[in-house]
Structure formats: structure tokens, C-alpha cells
Amino acid sequence: MPRTSRPPGMVSAMGLWLAEWVADFGELLIEWIIALGSFGLFVVETFRWLLFRLPRRETILPSFYQIGVLSLPVVALTGTFIGMVLAVQSYSQFREMHMETRLGAAINLALVRELGPVLAATMLAGRVGSAMAAELGTMRVTEQIDALTSMGANPIRYLVVPRFLGCLVLIPTLTIMADFMGVVGGAFYGVYLLGIDSHHYWQNSRDFVGNFDLFAGVFKSLFFGASIGLISCHRGFNCDPGAEGVGRAATSAFVYSFVMILLLDLVLGIVLDALYYTIWPHGAGII
């Protein structure tokens, strides 16, 4: 049978489409490589100033106040509702298995290991990260960063390091606050509204939630805070001109921070679980 051949016009159209697709993919890949290289240099410069020459106290304290103190209400409210929602959603399943008294262990374990650190970091990425990116982006658009450089001051040291330190130090503290309020909210709903026996509620929580679980959540939050500070400041420093560029910088700061939080949560969860079962092969941790 004679072989069928495609018309020359169809072949040229497919070749043109393939060439355009390869060119677009290559352009996107080059942009990502440039962005990763720029972010890597930004991180190295931040840590260089962090290790060798810290900013003055007058520069650090306002950032600590903005990141830590002003975030307490939203973090406490978020943690409280997390605990109460977990109690609402889990009670019916535990009641079917006649294990209502184990509800406290399930709620508190999920809070301190996963939901407390992740949701607290997500709230802070939306509140703190977007604000830092918008503030630094506005300074970039209005040439305040260039003016600071022209006066002989390093903008990384005076603008980035205080914000990074605030995220690194205070987000773990806010995570502990979210865990505490979540435990209180879950206990209030479970004991006072659902009628679970308080003695068994707290006894099972103490038996199943150990110090390692609390350590795992706080340890994760250190990396969450560092990623929020670095990504948000980098997006602000590399803001596009105009008001639209500032808005895109604030949006991308939250999106990239949220994706990095989820990625770090996965990787650190795998590492911490492997560490736990290496130290305690039979699952008997520190209670």
C-alpha cells in the first residue's frame, strides 16, 4: 500500500508550533534560572550581614513589634478556631467507634505537629509577608533604596536583616501561641459543649502527645519563618515599576511563601519522622 504523506503546509505549521513551544519553554527556563540565581545571591548577602554585622537595636525593634506583637491577635484567633473546628469535625467519627475520650489526643497531636505551625505560618505569610513585600516594593519604586545606597548605607543590612530576624525569631513563638490557643479551643468545645469527660480528655492528650511532637512543630516553624522573610524581602527588592508592580510583588510574596511552606512541611515531616523512629524504634518517645 502506498504510504500517506502529510501536506507540506501541515508539516510546516507543526514545525513552527514546535519551534515556538521550544522557544517559550527555553525562555521560561532561563527566567527561572535567573530568578533562582538572584534569590541565591540575595540569601548569601543577607546571611553575610547577619553573621558579621547586625543592625542596631533601634532598627531591629520596630520590625519585631510589627511582626510579633501586632500578629498576636490574628494568630491567637486562628489557633482557637483551628482547635474548635477539629473538635467539630472529628467528634462524630470518634463517637461511632466509642472513643470520644481519645478526641483530645487526636486534636492536640494534629495541632502541635502540623496544623498549628502550617496555618500560623500561612496567616503570617499573608499578613507579614505581603506587607514587607509591598513596603520594600514601594521603596524600590520611589527610589528610596537607591537613595539609601547613594548615602553609603547597605540596604540589605538596614531593610532586610531586621525583617528576616523578626520572622526567624518570632514566628516560632507565635506558633507556640497558636498551639496553646488551639488546645484551649478544642478542650473548651470538647469538654464543655460536647460533654467529654475532662479527666480522660487530658489524660489521653498527655499519653499520646510528647515533647518530640511539640519540638517538631516549633522546629518546622523556624524554616517557615526564614522562608517567609527571605522570599518576601526578595520580591520587594525586585519589584517591577509602578503601582501594578507593587501589587504583583505582594501577591507573589504570599504565593511563593505558601508553596515553600507546604514543600518544607513535607520534607521536614519526612526527616523528623525518620529521626523519631531512629531514636525510638518502637515508637516510645519522650512523654
C-alpha atoms as a PDB file:
ATOM      1  CA  MET A   1       0.000   0.000   0.000  1.00  0.00           C
ATOM      2  CA  PRO A   2       1.359   3.483  -0.776  1.00  0.00           C
ATOM      3  CA  ARG A   3       2.400   5.465   2.259  1.00  0.00           C
ATOM      4  CA  THR A   4       0.293   8.509   3.026  1.00  0.00           C
ATOM      5  CA  SER A   5       2.191  11.769   3.450  1.00  0.00           C
ATOM      6  CA  ARG A   6       1.091  14.905   5.205  1.00  0.00           C
ATOM      7  CA  PRO A   7       0.603  18.043   3.169  1.00  0.00           C
ATOM      8  CA  PRO A   8       3.620  20.392   3.190  1.00  0.00           C
ATOM      9  CA  GLY A   9       1.543  23.140   4.780  1.00  0.00           C
ATOM     10  CA  MET A  10       0.611  20.918   7.731  1.00  0.00           C
ATOM     11  CA  VAL A  11       4.230  19.860   8.262  1.00  0.00           C
ATOM     12  CA  SER A  12       5.451  23.458   8.241  1.00  0.00           C
ATOM     13  CA  ALA A  13       2.668  24.512  10.642  1.00  0.00           C
ATOM     14  CA  MET A  14       3.535  21.724  13.091  1.00  0.00           C
ATOM     15  CA  GLY A  15       7.233  22.561  12.851  1.00  0.00           C
ATOM     16  CA  LEU A  16       6.506  26.234  13.506  1.00  0.00           C
ATOM     17  CA  TRP A  17       4.323  25.359  16.502  1.00  0.00           C
ATOM     18  CA  LEU A  18       7.013  23.054  17.907  1.00  0.00           C
ATOM     19  CA  ALA A  19       9.704  25.701  17.427  1.00  0.00           C
ATOM     20  CA  GLU A  20       7.576  28.313  19.205  1.00  0.00           C
ATOM     21  CA  TRP A  21       6.864  25.900  22.059  1.00  0.00           C
ATOM     22  CA  VAL A  22      10.555  25.104  22.497  1.00  0.00           C
ATOM     23  CA  ALA A  23      11.423  28.821  22.387  1.00  0.00           C
ATOM     24  CA  ASP A  24       8.779  29.676  25.006  1.00  0.00           C
ATOM     25  CA  PHE A  25       9.880  26.816  27.249  1.00  0.00           C
ATOM     26  CA  GLY A  26      13.519  27.850  26.920  1.00  0.00           C
ATOM     27  CA  GLU A  27      12.669  31.458  27.734  1.00  0.00           C
ATOM     28  CA  LEU A  28      10.703  30.356  30.803  1.00  0.00           C
ATOM     29  CA  LEU A  29      13.541  28.078  31.915  1.00  0.00           C
ATOM     30  CA  ILE A  30      16.103  30.867  31.552  1.00  0.00           C
ATOM     31  CA  GLU A  31      13.892  33.238  33.561  1.00  0.00           C
ATOM     32  CA  TRP A  32      13.594  30.671  36.361  1.00  0.00           C
ATOM     33  CA  ILE A  33      17.356  30.083  36.413  1.00  0.00           C
ATOM     34  CA  ILE A  34      17.999  33.828  36.594  1.00  0.00           C
ATOM     35  CA  ALA A  35      15.409  34.205  39.361  1.00  0.00           C
ATOM     36  CA  LEU A  36      16.922  31.344  41.381  1.00  0.00           C
ATOM     37  CA  GLY A  37      20.394  32.800  40.945  1.00  0.00           C
ATOM     38  CA  SER A  38      19.200  36.230  42.038  1.00  0.00           C
ATOM     39  CA  PHE A  39      17.464  34.730  45.069  1.00  0.00           C
ATOM     40  CA  GLY A  40      20.566  32.717  45.966  1.00  0.00           C
ATOM     41  CA  LEU A  41      22.784  35.808  45.885  1.00  0.00           C
ATOM     42  CA  PHE A  42      20.191  37.672  47.946  1.00  0.00           C
ATOM     43  CA  VAL A  43      20.210  34.921  50.589  1.00  0.00           C
ATOM     44  CA  VAL A  44      24.019  34.855  50.727  1.00  0.00           C
ATOM     45  CA  GLU A  45      24.175  38.630  51.144  1.00  0.00           C
ATOM     46  CA  THR A  46      21.541  38.525  53.905  1.00  0.00           C
ATOM     47  CA  PHE A  47      23.381  35.853  55.870  1.00  0.00           C
ATOM     48  CA  ARG A  48      26.685  37.662  55.401  1.00  0.00           C
ATOM     49  CA  TRP A  49      25.339  40.755  57.135  1.00  0.00           C
ATOM     50  CA  LEU A  50      23.502  38.615  59.681  1.00  0.00           C
ATOM     51  CA  LEU A  51      26.650  36.791  60.760  1.00  0.00           C
ATOM     52  CA  PHE A  52      29.201  39.582  60.668  1.00  0.00           C
ATOM     53  CA  ARG A  53      27.426  42.861  61.370  1.00  0.00           C
ATOM     54  CA  LEU A  54      23.955  43.106  62.844  1.00  0.00           C
ATOM     55  CA  PRO A  55      21.873  46.281  62.602  1.00  0.00           C
ATOM     56  CA  ARG A  56      21.411  48.485  65.615  1.00  0.00           C
ATOM     57  CA  ARG A  57      18.736  47.909  68.214  1.00  0.00           C
ATOM     58  CA  GLU A  58      16.721  50.912  67.027  1.00  0.00           C
ATOM     59  CA  THR A  59      16.431  49.256  63.611  1.00  0.00           C
ATOM     60  CA  ILE A  60      15.534  45.768  64.826  1.00  0.00           C
ATOM     61  CA  LEU A  61      12.891  46.556  67.483  1.00  0.00           C
ATOM     62  CA  PRO A  62      10.301  48.164  65.135  1.00  0.00           C
ATOM     63  CA  SER A  63      10.421  45.083  62.894  1.00  0.00           C
ATOM     64  CA  PHE A  64       9.992  42.809  65.906  1.00  0.00           C
ATOM     65  CA  TYR A  65       6.993  44.854  67.012  1.00  0.00           C
ATOM     66  CA  GLN A  66       5.370  44.782  63.577  1.00  0.00           C
ATOM     67  CA  ILE A  67       5.934  41.061  63.046  1.00  0.00           C
ATOM     68  CA  GLY A  68       5.427  39.730  66.569  1.00  0.00           C
ATOM     69  CA  VAL A  69       3.245  41.933  68.739  1.00  0.00           C
ATOM     70  CA  LEU A  70       0.798  43.068  66.073  1.00  0.00           C
ATOM     71  CA  SER A  71       0.352  39.477  64.846  1.00  0.00           C
ATOM     72  CA  LEU A  72      -0.677  38.093  68.242  1.00  0.00           C
ATOM     73  CA  PRO A  73      -4.461  38.697  67.893  1.00  0.00           C
ATOM     74  CA  VAL A  74      -4.818  37.094  64.460  1.00  0.00           C
ATOM     75  CA  VAL A  75      -2.614  34.127  65.401  1.00  0.00           C
ATOM     76  CA  ALA A  76      -4.469  33.543  68.688  1.00  0.00           C
ATOM     77  CA  LEU A  77      -7.848  33.754  66.948  1.00  0.00           C
ATOM     78  CA  THR A  78      -6.685  31.397  64.192  1.00  0.00           C
ATOM     79  CA  GLY A  79      -5.371  28.841  66.682  1.00  0.00           C
ATOM     80  CA  THR A  80      -8.576  28.918  68.727  1.00  0.00           C
ATOM     81  CA  PHE A  81     -10.798  28.245  65.741  1.00  0.00           C
ATOM     82  CA  ILE A  82      -8.464  25.521  64.450  1.00  0.00           C
ATOM     83  CA  GLY A  83      -8.904  23.582  67.686  1.00  0.00           C
ATOM     84  CA  MET A  84     -12.668  24.063  67.725  1.00  0.00           C
ATOM     85  CA  VAL A  85     -13.073  23.055  64.072  1.00  0.00           C
ATOM     86  CA  LEU A  86     -11.032  19.907  64.668  1.00  0.00           C
ATOM     87  CA  ALA A  87     -13.300  19.018  67.579  1.00  0.00           C
ATOM     88  CA  VAL A  88     -16.435  19.577  65.473  1.00  0.00           C
ATOM     89  CA  GLN A  89     -15.191  17.540  62.513  1.00  0.00           C
ATOM     90  CA  SER A  90     -13.668  14.654  64.498  1.00  0.00           C
ATOM     91  CA  TYR A  91     -16.267  14.064  67.193  1.00  0.00           C
ATOM     92  CA  SER A  92     -18.775  12.130  65.077  1.00  0.00           C
ATOM     93  CA  GLN A  93     -16.134   9.669  63.818  1.00  0.00           C
ATOM     94  CA  PHE A  94     -14.752   9.085  67.310  1.00  0.00           C
ATOM     95  CA  ARG A  95     -18.270   8.652  68.720  1.00  0.00           C
ATOM     96  CA  GLU A  96     -19.051   5.921  66.169  1.00  0.00           C
ATOM     97  CA  MET A  97     -16.023   3.994  67.450  1.00  0.00           C
ATOM     98  CA  HIS A  98     -16.887   4.752  71.115  1.00  0.00           C
ATOM     99  CA  MET A  99     -13.552   6.571  71.536  1.00  0.00           C
ATOM    100  CA  GLU A 100     -14.760  10.046  72.447  1.00  0.00           C
ATOM    101  CA  THR A 101     -12.189  10.361  75.227  1.00  0.00           C
ATOM    102  CA  ARG A 102      -9.384   9.960  72.663  1.00  0.00           C
ATOM    103  CA  LEU A 103     -10.528  13.122  70.894  1.00  0.00           C
ATOM    104  CA  GLY A 104      -8.117  15.291  72.881  1.00  0.00           C
ATOM    105  CA  ALA A 105      -5.116  13.225  71.794  1.00  0.00           C
ATOM    106  CA  ALA A 106      -6.083  13.465  68.113  1.00  0.00           C
ATOM    107  CA  ILE A 107      -6.774  17.215  68.243  1.00  0.00           C
ATOM    108  CA  ASN A 108      -3.660  18.184  70.172  1.00  0.00           C
ATOM    109  CA  LEU A 109      -1.348  15.919  68.178  1.00  0.00           C
ATOM    110  CA  ALA A 110      -2.596  17.332  64.881  1.00  0.00           C
ATOM    111  CA  LEU A 111      -2.264  20.855  66.266  1.00  0.00           C
ATOM    112  CA  VAL A 112       1.282  20.769  67.589  1.00  0.00           C
ATOM    113  CA  ARG A 113       2.783  18.733  64.746  1.00  0.00           C
ATOM    114  CA  GLU A 114       1.062  20.033  61.614  1.00  0.00           C
ATOM    115  CA  LEU A 115      -1.873  22.412  61.680  1.00  0.00           C
ATOM    116  CA  GLY A 116      -0.557  24.868  64.256  1.00  0.00           C
ATOM    117  CA  PRO A 117       2.796  25.581  62.540  1.00  0.00           C
ATOM    118  CA  VAL A 118       1.448  25.472  58.978  1.00  0.00           C
ATOM    119  CA  LEU A 119      -1.649  27.623  59.473  1.00  0.00           C
ATOM    120  CA  ALA A 120       0.154  30.102  61.723  1.00  0.00           C
ATOM    121  CA  ALA A 121       2.879  30.483  59.089  1.00  0.00           C
ATOM    122  CA  THR A 122       0.249  30.831  56.364  1.00  0.00           C
ATOM    123  CA  MET A 123      -1.530  33.594  58.258  1.00  0.00           C
ATOM    124  CA  LEU A 124       1.770  35.374  58.823  1.00  0.00           C
ATOM    125  CA  ALA A 125       2.758  34.985  55.184  1.00  0.00           C
ATOM    126  CA  GLY A 126      -0.474  36.757  54.270  1.00  0.00           C
ATOM    127  CA  ARG A 127      -0.181  39.466  56.879  1.00  0.00           C
ATOM    128  CA  VAL A 128       3.558  39.993  57.359  1.00  0.00           C
ATOM    129  CA  GLY A 129       4.998  38.702  54.092  1.00  0.00           C
ATOM    130  CA  SER A 130       2.712  40.675  51.814  1.00  0.00           C
ATOM    131  CA  ALA A 131       3.211  43.819  53.922  1.00  0.00           C
ATOM    132  CA  MET A 132       7.003  43.514  53.777  1.00  0.00           C
ATOM    133  CA  ALA A 133       6.975  42.939  50.018  1.00  0.00           C
ATOM    134  CA  ALA A 134       4.645  45.907  49.453  1.00  0.00           C
ATOM    135  CA  GLU A 135       6.681  48.180  51.733  1.00  0.00           C
ATOM    136  CA  LEU A 136      10.032  47.315  50.155  1.00  0.00           C
ATOM    137  CA  GLY A 137       8.480  47.390  46.686  1.00  0.00           C
ATOM    138  CA  THR A 138       7.195  50.909  47.292  1.00  0.00           C
ATOM    139  CA  MET A 139      10.655  51.925  48.475  1.00  0.00           C
ATOM    140  CA  ARG A 140      12.129  50.450  45.299  1.00  0.00           C
ATOM    141  CA  VAL A 141       9.613  52.226  43.041  1.00  0.00           C
ATOM    142  CA  THR A 142      10.097  55.578  44.771  1.00  0.00           C
ATOM    143  CA  GLU A 143      13.904  55.118  44.639  1.00  0.00           C
ATOM    144  CA  GLN A 144      14.316  55.197  48.421  1.00  0.00           C
ATOM    145  CA  ILE A 145      16.517  52.090  48.265  1.00  0.00           C
ATOM    146  CA  ASP A 146      18.732  53.766  45.665  1.00  0.00           C
ATOM    147  CA  ALA A 147      18.946  56.855  47.869  1.00  0.00           C
ATOM    148  CA  LEU A 148      19.981  54.700  50.809  1.00  0.00           C
ATOM    149  CA  THR A 149      22.719  53.135  48.699  1.00  0.00           C
ATOM    150  CA  SER A 150      23.934  56.523  47.483  1.00  0.00           C
ATOM    151  CA  MET A 151      24.381  57.635  51.095  1.00  0.00           C
ATOM    152  CA  GLY A 152      26.781  54.744  51.716  1.00  0.00           C
ATOM    153  CA  ALA A 153      24.373  52.511  53.660  1.00  0.00           C
ATOM    154  CA  ASN A 154      23.773  48.916  52.681  1.00  0.00           C
ATOM    155  CA  PRO A 155      20.019  48.339  52.100  1.00  0.00           C
ATOM    156  CA  ILE A 156      20.294  44.625  52.882  1.00  0.00           C
ATOM    157  CA  ARG A 157      21.620  45.380  56.348  1.00  0.00           C
ATOM    158  CA  TYR A 158      19.117  48.116  57.210  1.00  0.00           C
ATOM    159  CA  LEU A 159      15.999  46.812  55.472  1.00  0.00           C
ATOM    160  CA  VAL A 160      16.235  43.042  55.074  1.00  0.00           C
ATOM    161  CA  VAL A 161      18.167  41.719  58.083  1.00  0.00           C
ATOM    162  CA  PRO A 162      15.797  43.200  60.729  1.00  0.00           C
ATOM    163  CA  ARG A 163      12.755  41.777  58.961  1.00  0.00           C
ATOM    164  CA  PHE A 164      14.423  38.417  58.460  1.00  0.00           C
ATOM    165  CA  LEU A 165      15.412  38.254  62.127  1.00  0.00           C
ATOM    166  CA  GLY A 166      11.878  39.145  63.164  1.00  0.00           C
ATOM    167  CA  CYS A 167      10.432  36.303  61.091  1.00  0.00           C
ATOM    168  CA  LEU A 168      13.084  33.819  62.197  1.00  0.00           C
ATOM    169  CA  VAL A 169      12.789  34.536  65.936  1.00  0.00           C
ATOM    170  CA  LEU A 170       9.139  35.451  66.426  1.00  0.00           C
ATOM    171  CA  ILE A 171       7.245  33.069  64.145  1.00  0.00           C
ATOM    172  CA  PRO A 172       8.207  30.046  66.333  1.00  0.00           C
ATOM    173  CA  THR A 173       6.940  31.991  69.343  1.00  0.00           C
ATOM    174  CA  LEU A 174       3.694  32.786  67.544  1.00  0.00           C
ATOM    175  CA  THR A 175       3.407  29.112  66.602  1.00  0.00           C
ATOM    176  CA  ILE A 176       3.512  28.176  70.291  1.00  0.00           C
ATOM    177  CA  MET A 177       0.768  30.738  70.897  1.00  0.00           C
ATOM    178  CA  ALA A 178      -1.329  29.209  68.098  1.00  0.00           C
ATOM    179  CA  ASP A 179      -0.794  25.722  69.557  1.00  0.00           C
ATOM    180  CA  PHE A 180      -1.820  26.868  73.035  1.00  0.00           C
ATOM    181  CA  MET A 181      -4.961  28.621  71.851  1.00  0.00           C
ATOM    182  CA  GLY A 182      -5.857  25.641  69.669  1.00  0.00           C
ATOM    183  CA  VAL A 183      -5.546  23.289  72.628  1.00  0.00           C
ATOM    184  CA  VAL A 184      -7.730  25.623  74.706  1.00  0.00           C
ATOM    185  CA  GLY A 185     -10.311  25.980  71.940  1.00  0.00           C
ATOM    186  CA  GLY A 186     -10.500  22.233  71.308  1.00  0.00           C
ATOM    187  CA  ALA A 187     -10.766  21.459  75.022  1.00  0.00           C
ATOM    188  CA  PHE A 188     -13.491  24.067  75.517  1.00  0.00           C
ATOM    189  CA  TYR A 189     -15.617  22.689  72.708  1.00  0.00           C
ATOM    190  CA  GLY A 190     -14.960  19.035  73.538  1.00  0.00           C
ATOM    191  CA  VAL A 191     -15.383  19.199  77.308  1.00  0.00           C
ATOM    192  CA  TYR A 192     -17.960  21.936  77.848  1.00  0.00           C
ATOM    193  CA  LEU A 193     -20.060  21.691  74.690  1.00  0.00           C
ATOM    194  CA  LEU A 194     -19.752  18.021  73.707  1.00  0.00           C
ATOM    195  CA  GLY A 195     -19.661  16.707  77.271  1.00  0.00           C
ATOM    196  CA  ILE A 196     -16.478  14.627  77.066  1.00  0.00           C
ATOM    197  CA  ASP A 197     -15.017  13.661  80.432  1.00  0.00           C
ATOM    198  CA  SER A 198     -12.259  16.183  81.164  1.00  0.00           C
ATOM    199  CA  HIS A 199     -10.035  13.756  83.102  1.00  0.00           C
ATOM    200  CA  HIS A 200      -9.800  11.241  80.246  1.00  0.00           C
ATOM    201  CA  TYR A 201      -9.564  14.047  77.674  1.00  0.00           C
ATOM    202  CA  TRP A 202      -6.410  15.461  79.256  1.00  0.00           C
ATOM    203  CA  GLN A 203      -5.052  12.060  80.294  1.00  0.00           C
ATOM    204  CA  ASN A 204      -5.109  10.761  76.714  1.00  0.00           C
ATOM    205  CA  SER A 205      -3.597  14.021  75.472  1.00  0.00           C
ATOM    206  CA  ARG A 206      -0.717  13.628  77.904  1.00  0.00           C
ATOM    207  CA  ASP A 207      -0.193   9.973  76.949  1.00  0.00           C
ATOM    208  CA  PHE A 208      -0.172  10.467  73.174  1.00  0.00           C
ATOM    209  CA  VAL A 209       1.354  13.938  72.702  1.00  0.00           C
ATOM    210  CA  GLY A 210       5.019  14.090  73.678  1.00  0.00           C
ATOM    211  CA  ASN A 211       7.789  16.636  73.821  1.00  0.00           C
ATOM    212  CA  PHE A 212       9.100  15.499  70.462  1.00  0.00           C
ATOM    213  CA  ASP A 213       5.793  16.411  68.820  1.00  0.00           C
ATOM    214  CA  LEU A 214       5.982  19.956  70.186  1.00  0.00           C
ATOM    215  CA  PHE A 215       9.642  20.173  69.159  1.00  0.00           C
ATOM    216  CA  ALA A 216       8.813  19.023  65.623  1.00  0.00           C
ATOM    217  CA  GLY A 217       6.230  21.767  65.162  1.00  0.00           C
ATOM    218  CA  VAL A 218       8.453  24.534  66.520  1.00  0.00           C
ATOM    219  CA  PHE A 219      11.422  23.257  64.510  1.00  0.00           C
ATOM    220  CA  LYS A 220       9.391  23.426  61.314  1.00  0.00           C
ATOM    221  CA  SER A 221       8.296  26.971  62.116  1.00  0.00           C
ATOM    222  CA  LEU A 222      11.936  28.133  62.129  1.00  0.00           C
ATOM    223  CA  PHE A 223      12.219  27.190  58.458  1.00  0.00           C
ATOM    224  CA  PHE A 224       8.783  28.607  57.699  1.00  0.00           C
ATOM    225  CA  GLY A 225       9.763  31.959  59.210  1.00  0.00           C
ATOM    226  CA  ALA A 226      13.078  32.072  57.368  1.00  0.00           C
ATOM    227  CA  SER A 227      11.412  31.314  54.031  1.00  0.00           C
ATOM    228  CA  ILE A 228       8.715  33.967  54.570  1.00  0.00           C
ATOM    229  CA  GLY A 229      11.284  36.637  55.436  1.00  0.00           C
ATOM    230  CA  LEU A 230      13.666  35.864  52.569  1.00  0.00           C
ATOM    231  CA  ILE A 231      11.044  35.391  49.852  1.00  0.00           C
ATOM    232  CA  SER A 232       9.007  38.460  50.818  1.00  0.00           C
ATOM    233  CA  CYS A 233      12.021  40.764  51.039  1.00  0.00           C
ATOM    234  CA  HIS A 234      13.421  39.441  47.752  1.00  0.00           C
ATOM    235  CA  ARG A 235      10.144  40.051  45.961  1.00  0.00           C
ATOM    236  CA  GLY A 236      10.003  43.580  47.351  1.00  0.00           C
ATOM    237  CA  PHE A 237      13.585  44.331  46.357  1.00  0.00           C
ATOM    238  CA  ASN A 238      12.958  43.116  42.782  1.00  0.00           C
ATOM    239  CA  CYS A 239       9.622  44.864  42.363  1.00  0.00           C
ATOM    240  CA  ASP A 240       8.586  45.995  38.878  1.00  0.00           C
ATOM    241  CA  PRO A 241       7.980  49.722  38.353  1.00  0.00           C
ATOM    242  CA  GLY A 242       4.601  51.245  39.117  1.00  0.00           C
ATOM    243  CA  ALA A 243       1.704  50.507  41.408  1.00  0.00           C
ATOM    244  CA  GLU A 244       0.908  47.329  39.498  1.00  0.00           C
ATOM    245  CA  GLY A 245       4.415  46.053  40.155  1.00  0.00           C
ATOM    246  CA  VAL A 246       3.994  46.620  43.898  1.00  0.00           C
ATOM    247  CA  GLY A 247       0.724  44.688  43.859  1.00  0.00           C
ATOM    248  CA  ARG A 248       2.287  41.794  41.942  1.00  0.00           C
ATOM    249  CA  ALA A 249       5.216  41.740  44.375  1.00  0.00           C
ATOM    250  CA  ALA A 250       2.895  41.476  47.383  1.00  0.00           C
ATOM    251  CA  THR A 251       0.817  38.744  45.732  1.00  0.00           C
ATOM    252  CA  SER A 252       3.792  36.713  44.563  1.00  0.00           C
ATOM    253  CA  ALA A 253       5.402  37.004  48.003  1.00  0.00           C
ATOM    254  CA  PHE A 254       2.407  35.288  49.610  1.00  0.00           C
ATOM    255  CA  VAL A 255       2.033  32.660  46.871  1.00  0.00           C
ATOM    256  CA  TYR A 256       5.708  31.690  46.838  1.00  0.00           C
ATOM    257  CA  SER A 257       5.857  31.683  50.637  1.00  0.00           C
ATOM    258  CA  PHE A 258       2.790  29.447  50.878  1.00  0.00           C
ATOM    259  CA  VAL A 259       4.162  26.980  48.333  1.00  0.00           C
ATOM    260  CA  MET A 260       7.508  26.918  50.151  1.00  0.00           C
ATOM    261  CA  ILE A 261       5.743  26.333  53.488  1.00  0.00           C
ATOM    262  CA  LEU A 262       3.972  23.272  52.086  1.00  0.00           C
ATOM    263  CA  LEU A 263       7.158  21.961  50.473  1.00  0.00           C
ATOM    264  CA  LEU A 264       9.183  22.418  53.648  1.00  0.00           C
ATOM    265  CA  ASP A 265       6.419  20.817  55.694  1.00  0.00           C
ATOM    266  CA  LEU A 266       6.595  17.711  53.507  1.00  0.00           C
ATOM    267  CA  VAL A 267      10.388  17.456  53.528  1.00  0.00           C
ATOM    268  CA  LEU A 268      10.804  18.225  57.233  1.00  0.00           C
ATOM    269  CA  GLY A 269       7.959  15.866  58.121  1.00  0.00           C
ATOM    270  CA  ILE A 270       9.735  13.000  56.371  1.00  0.00           C
ATOM    271  CA  VAL A 271      13.065  13.872  58.010  1.00  0.00           C
ATOM    272  CA  LEU A 272      11.599  14.237  61.515  1.00  0.00           C
ATOM    273  CA  ASP A 273       9.632  11.000  61.244  1.00  0.00           C
ATOM    274  CA  ALA A 274      12.793   9.165  60.181  1.00  0.00           C
ATOM    275  CA  LEU A 275      14.672  10.738  63.096  1.00  0.00           C
ATOM    276  CA  TYR A 276      11.913   9.786  65.538  1.00  0.00           C
ATOM    277  CA  TYR A 277      11.869   6.129  64.537  1.00  0.00           C
ATOM    278  CA  THR A 278      15.658   6.016  64.515  1.00  0.00           C
ATOM    279  CA  ILE A 279      15.890   7.240  68.108  1.00  0.00           C
ATOM    280  CA  TRP A 280      12.814   5.333  69.313  1.00  0.00           C
ATOM    281  CA  PRO A 281      12.403   2.272  67.037  1.00  0.00           C
ATOM    282  CA  HIS A 282       9.316   1.057  68.869  1.00  0.00           C
ATOM    283  CA  GLY A 283       7.597   4.450  68.803  1.00  0.00           C
ATOM    284  CA  ALA A 284       8.130   5.125  72.514  1.00  0.00           C
ATOM    285  CA  GLY A 285       9.083   8.792  72.521  1.00  0.00           C
ATOM    286  CA  ILE A 286       9.588  11.243  75.332  1.00  0.00           C
ATOM    287  CA  ILE A 287       6.296  11.720  77.140  1.00  0.00           C
END
